[in-house]
């Protein structure tokens, strides 16, 4: 999901820089974010269902947060680009 989010953002940024940005390019970002949420939540649920060592639980939980946060940042950056593009026509 992180690769998909980064690629989608890269495409939006390139379009923005070349003044070819279209509103429909942003429709995929909420879907990407929702899918990333599903994956992380599912992985965390499985981790908490199978792991009994609290040290491992805490360490692994932190590892799952980083890709999830990166996807969220890609989506936030895309939203900012969209706002700039809409304001500047």
N, C-alpha and C. Protein backbone atom coordinates (compact mmCIF):
# COMPACT_ATOMS: atom_id res chain seq x y z
N UNK A 1 0.82 -1.19 0.00
CA UNK A 1 0.00 0.00 0.00
C UNK A 1 0.86 1.25 0.00
N UNK A 2 1.98 1.18 0.68
CA UNK A 2 2.86 2.34 0.72
C UNK A 2 3.38 2.66 -0.69
N UNK A 3 3.74 1.64 -1.42
CA UNK A 3 4.19 1.85 -2.81
C UNK A 3 3.09 2.46 -3.66
N UNK A 4 1.88 1.96 -3.50
CA UNK A 4 0.75 2.49 -4.26
C UNK A 4 0.50 3.95 -3.91
N UNK A 5 0.52 4.26 -2.62
CA UNK A 5 0.29 5.64 -2.18
C UNK A 5 1.37 6.57 -2.70
N UNK A 6 2.63 6.13 -2.62
CA UNK A 6 3.74 6.97 -3.10
C UNK A 6 3.65 7.17 -4.62
N UNK A 7 3.31 6.13 -5.34
CA UNK A 7 3.18 6.23 -6.80
C UNK A 7 2.04 7.17 -7.18
N UNK A 8 0.92 7.04 -6.48
CA UNK A 8 -0.22 7.91 -6.77
C UNK A 8 0.13 9.36 -6.47
N UNK A 9 0.80 9.58 -5.35
CA UNK A 9 1.20 10.94 -5.01
C UNK A 9 2.21 11.48 -6.02
N UNK A 10 3.16 10.65 -6.42
CA UNK A 10 4.15 11.05 -7.41
C UNK A 10 3.47 11.48 -8.70
N UNK A 11 2.48 10.70 -9.14
CA UNK A 11 1.75 11.05 -10.35
C UNK A 11 1.00 12.37 -10.21
N UNK A 12 0.39 12.58 -9.06
CA UNK A 12 -0.34 13.82 -8.82
C UNK A 12 0.62 15.01 -8.78
N UNK A 13 1.77 14.82 -8.14
CA UNK A 13 2.75 15.89 -8.06
C UNK A 13 3.31 16.25 -9.43
N UNK A 14 3.61 15.23 -10.22
CA UNK A 14 4.11 15.49 -11.58
C UNK A 14 3.07 16.25 -12.41
N UNK A 15 1.81 15.83 -12.30
CA UNK A 15 0.74 16.52 -13.03
C UNK A 15 0.61 17.97 -12.54
N UNK A 16 0.73 18.16 -11.24
CA UNK A 16 0.65 19.50 -10.67
C UNK A 16 1.77 20.38 -11.23
N UNK A 17 2.98 19.86 -11.24
CA UNK A 17 4.12 20.63 -11.72
C UNK A 17 4.04 20.94 -13.21
N UNK A 18 3.36 20.08 -13.96
CA UNK A 18 3.21 20.29 -15.40
C UNK A 18 1.87 20.96 -15.75
N UNK A 19 1.17 21.42 -14.70
CA UNK A 19 -0.12 22.10 -14.85
C UNK A 19 -1.15 21.25 -15.59
N UNK A 20 -1.12 19.95 -15.37
CA UNK A 20 -2.08 19.03 -15.99
C UNK A 20 -2.87 18.27 -14.93
N UNK A 21 -2.99 18.86 -13.76
CA UNK A 21 -3.66 18.23 -12.64
C UNK A 21 -5.16 18.21 -12.85
N UNK A 22 -5.79 17.06 -12.62
CA UNK A 22 -7.23 16.91 -12.78
C UNK A 22 -7.82 16.44 -11.45
N UNK A 23 -9.02 16.89 -11.16
CA UNK A 23 -9.69 16.55 -9.91
C UNK A 23 -9.81 15.05 -9.73
N UNK A 24 -10.09 14.31 -10.78
CA UNK A 24 -10.30 12.86 -10.67
C UNK A 24 -9.04 12.13 -10.19
N UNK A 25 -7.88 12.77 -10.31
CA UNK A 25 -6.65 12.13 -9.82
C UNK A 25 -6.67 11.95 -8.31
N UNK A 26 -7.52 12.68 -7.63
CA UNK A 26 -7.56 12.62 -6.17
C UNK A 26 -8.60 11.65 -5.64
N UNK A 27 -9.40 11.08 -6.51
CA UNK A 27 -10.43 10.14 -6.07
C UNK A 27 -9.84 8.87 -5.47
N UNK A 28 -8.66 8.50 -5.91
CA UNK A 28 -8.06 7.25 -5.43
C UNK A 28 -7.46 7.37 -4.03
N UNK A 29 -7.14 8.58 -3.58
CA UNK A 29 -6.46 8.72 -2.30
C UNK A 29 -7.30 8.26 -1.10
N UNK A 30 -8.58 8.60 -1.02
CA UNK A 30 -9.38 8.05 0.10
C UNK A 30 -9.46 6.52 0.06
N UNK A 31 -9.49 5.95 -1.13
CA UNK A 31 -9.53 4.49 -1.26
C UNK A 31 -8.21 3.87 -0.80
N UNK A 32 -7.11 4.50 -1.18
CA UNK A 32 -5.78 4.01 -0.77
C UNK A 32 -5.67 4.07 0.75
N UNK A 33 -6.10 5.18 1.32
CA UNK A 33 -6.01 5.33 2.78
C UNK A 33 -6.90 4.32 3.50
N UNK A 34 -8.11 4.12 2.99
CA UNK A 34 -9.02 3.15 3.60
C UNK A 34 -8.45 1.74 3.53
N UNK A 35 -7.86 1.39 2.40
CA UNK A 35 -7.27 0.06 2.25
C UNK A 35 -6.07 -0.12 3.18
N UNK A 36 -5.26 0.93 3.31
CA UNK A 36 -4.12 0.86 4.23
C UNK A 36 -4.61 0.67 5.67
N UNK A 37 -5.68 1.37 6.03
CA UNK A 37 -6.26 1.20 7.36
C UNK A 37 -6.72 -0.25 7.58
N UNK A 38 -7.35 -0.82 6.57
CA UNK A 38 -7.82 -2.21 6.68
C UNK A 38 -6.65 -3.16 6.88
N UNK A 39 -5.61 -2.98 6.11
CA UNK A 39 -4.44 -3.87 6.18
C UNK A 39 -3.78 -3.77 7.56
N UNK A 40 -3.56 -2.54 8.02
CA UNK A 40 -2.90 -2.36 9.32
C UNK A 40 -3.77 -2.91 10.44
N UNK A 41 -5.05 -2.61 10.41
CA UNK A 41 -5.95 -3.11 11.47
C UNK A 41 -6.02 -4.63 11.48
N UNK A 42 -6.06 -5.23 10.31
CA UNK A 42 -6.10 -6.68 10.20
C UNK A 42 -4.79 -7.29 10.73
N UNK A 43 -3.68 -6.70 10.34
CA UNK A 43 -2.38 -7.21 10.80
C UNK A 43 -2.24 -7.07 12.31
N UNK A 44 -2.67 -5.93 12.85
CA UNK A 44 -2.59 -5.74 14.30
C UNK A 44 -3.51 -6.71 15.04
N UNK A 45 -4.70 -6.93 14.50
CA UNK A 45 -5.62 -7.88 15.14
C UNK A 45 -5.01 -9.28 15.16
N UNK A 46 -4.41 -9.68 14.05
CA UNK A 46 -3.76 -10.99 13.99
C UNK A 46 -2.59 -11.06 14.96
N UNK A 47 -1.82 -9.99 15.03
CA UNK A 47 -0.68 -9.95 15.95
C UNK A 47 -1.15 -10.12 17.39
N UNK A 48 -2.18 -9.39 17.78
CA UNK A 48 -2.67 -9.48 19.15
C UNK A 48 -3.37 -10.81 19.44
N UNK A 49 -3.88 -11.45 18.40
CA UNK A 49 -4.51 -12.76 18.58
C UNK A 49 -3.48 -13.88 18.76
N UNK A 50 -2.32 -13.72 18.13
CA UNK A 50 -1.35 -14.82 18.11
C UNK A 50 -0.16 -14.64 19.04
N UNK A 51 0.20 -13.40 19.34
CA UNK A 51 1.40 -13.15 20.14
C UNK A 51 1.06 -12.99 21.61
N UNK A 52 1.87 -13.60 22.47
CA UNK A 52 1.64 -13.50 23.92
C UNK A 52 2.72 -12.71 24.64
N UNK A 53 3.86 -12.52 24.01
CA UNK A 53 4.96 -11.78 24.61
C UNK A 53 4.72 -10.28 24.43
N UNK A 54 4.54 -9.56 25.54
CA UNK A 54 4.22 -8.13 25.45
C UNK A 54 5.33 -7.31 24.82
N UNK A 55 6.57 -7.69 25.00
CA UNK A 55 7.68 -6.97 24.39
C UNK A 55 7.58 -7.05 22.87
N UNK A 56 7.30 -8.23 22.37
CA UNK A 56 7.14 -8.42 20.92
C UNK A 56 5.92 -7.64 20.43
N UNK A 57 4.84 -7.69 21.18
CA UNK A 57 3.62 -6.95 20.80
C UNK A 57 3.89 -5.47 20.63
N UNK A 58 4.55 -4.88 21.60
CA UNK A 58 4.83 -3.45 21.54
C UNK A 58 5.77 -3.10 20.38
N UNK A 59 6.80 -3.91 20.19
CA UNK A 59 7.76 -3.66 19.11
C UNK A 59 7.08 -3.78 17.74
N UNK A 60 6.35 -4.86 17.56
CA UNK A 60 5.68 -5.09 16.27
C UNK A 60 4.61 -4.04 16.00
N UNK A 61 3.90 -3.66 17.04
CA UNK A 61 2.86 -2.65 16.88
C UNK A 61 3.47 -1.36 16.34
N UNK A 62 4.62 -0.99 16.87
CA UNK A 62 5.31 0.21 16.40
C UNK A 62 5.72 0.09 14.93
N UNK A 63 6.16 -1.11 14.54
CA UNK A 63 6.57 -1.32 13.14
C UNK A 63 5.40 -1.14 12.18
N UNK A 64 4.20 -1.57 12.59
CA UNK A 64 3.03 -1.42 11.73
C UNK A 64 2.61 0.03 11.57
N UNK A 65 2.92 0.84 12.55
CA UNK A 65 2.50 2.25 12.52
C UNK A 65 3.22 3.05 11.45
N UNK A 66 4.48 2.75 11.19
CA UNK A 66 5.27 3.57 10.28
C UNK A 66 4.77 3.56 8.84
N UNK A 67 4.55 2.41 8.22
CA UNK A 67 4.00 2.43 6.85
C UNK A 67 2.61 3.07 6.82
N UNK A 68 1.82 2.80 7.83
CA UNK A 68 0.48 3.38 7.92
C UNK A 68 0.57 4.91 7.96
N UNK A 69 1.48 5.43 8.76
CA UNK A 69 1.66 6.88 8.86
C UNK A 69 2.16 7.46 7.54
N UNK A 70 3.02 6.73 6.85
CA UNK A 70 3.54 7.21 5.57
C UNK A 70 2.42 7.31 4.53
N UNK A 71 1.53 6.33 4.50
CA UNK A 71 0.38 6.39 3.58
C UNK A 71 -0.48 7.60 3.92
N UNK A 72 -0.71 7.81 5.20
CA UNK A 72 -1.52 8.96 5.62
C UNK A 72 -0.88 10.26 5.17
N UNK A 73 0.45 10.37 5.27
CA UNK A 73 1.14 11.59 4.85
C UNK A 73 1.04 11.81 3.34
N UNK A 74 1.12 10.74 2.57
CA UNK A 74 0.94 10.86 1.11
C UNK A 74 -0.45 11.42 0.80
N UNK A 75 -1.45 10.91 1.49
CA UNK A 75 -2.82 11.36 1.25
C UNK A 75 -3.00 12.81 1.68
N UNK A 76 -2.39 13.20 2.80
CA UNK A 76 -2.47 14.59 3.26
C UNK A 76 -1.77 15.53 2.28
N UNK A 77 -0.62 15.10 1.77
CA UNK A 77 0.10 15.92 0.80
C UNK A 77 -0.70 16.08 -0.48
N UNK A 78 -1.36 15.02 -0.90
CA UNK A 78 -2.20 15.09 -2.10
C UNK A 78 -3.36 16.05 -1.88
N UNK A 79 -3.94 16.03 -0.71
CA UNK A 79 -5.03 16.95 -0.39
C UNK A 79 -4.54 18.39 -0.44
N UNK A 80 -3.35 18.63 0.08
CA UNK A 80 -2.77 19.99 0.03
C UNK A 80 -2.53 20.42 -1.42
N UNK A 81 -2.01 19.53 -2.24
CA UNK A 81 -1.81 19.84 -3.67
C UNK A 81 -3.13 20.19 -4.34
N UNK A 82 -4.14 19.40 -4.03
CA UNK A 82 -5.46 19.64 -4.62
C UNK A 82 -5.98 21.03 -4.23
N UNK A 83 -5.82 21.38 -2.97
CA UNK A 83 -6.27 22.71 -2.51
C UNK A 83 -5.55 23.83 -3.23
N UNK A 84 -4.24 23.68 -3.37
CA UNK A 84 -3.44 24.69 -4.08
C UNK A 84 -3.89 24.80 -5.52
N UNK A 85 -4.09 23.66 -6.17
CA UNK A 85 -4.51 23.66 -7.57
C UNK A 85 -5.88 24.29 -7.73
N UNK A 86 -6.80 24.01 -6.84
CA UNK A 86 -8.14 24.58 -6.92
C UNK A 86 -8.12 26.09 -6.68
N UNK A 87 -7.30 26.55 -5.75
CA UNK A 87 -7.21 27.98 -5.45
C UNK A 87 -6.59 28.77 -6.59
N UNK A 88 -5.62 28.15 -7.26
CA UNK A 88 -4.90 28.86 -8.31
C UNK A 88 -5.43 28.57 -9.72
N UNK A 89 -6.48 27.77 -9.76
CA UNK A 89 -7.14 27.46 -11.02
C UNK A 89 -6.25 26.83 -12.00
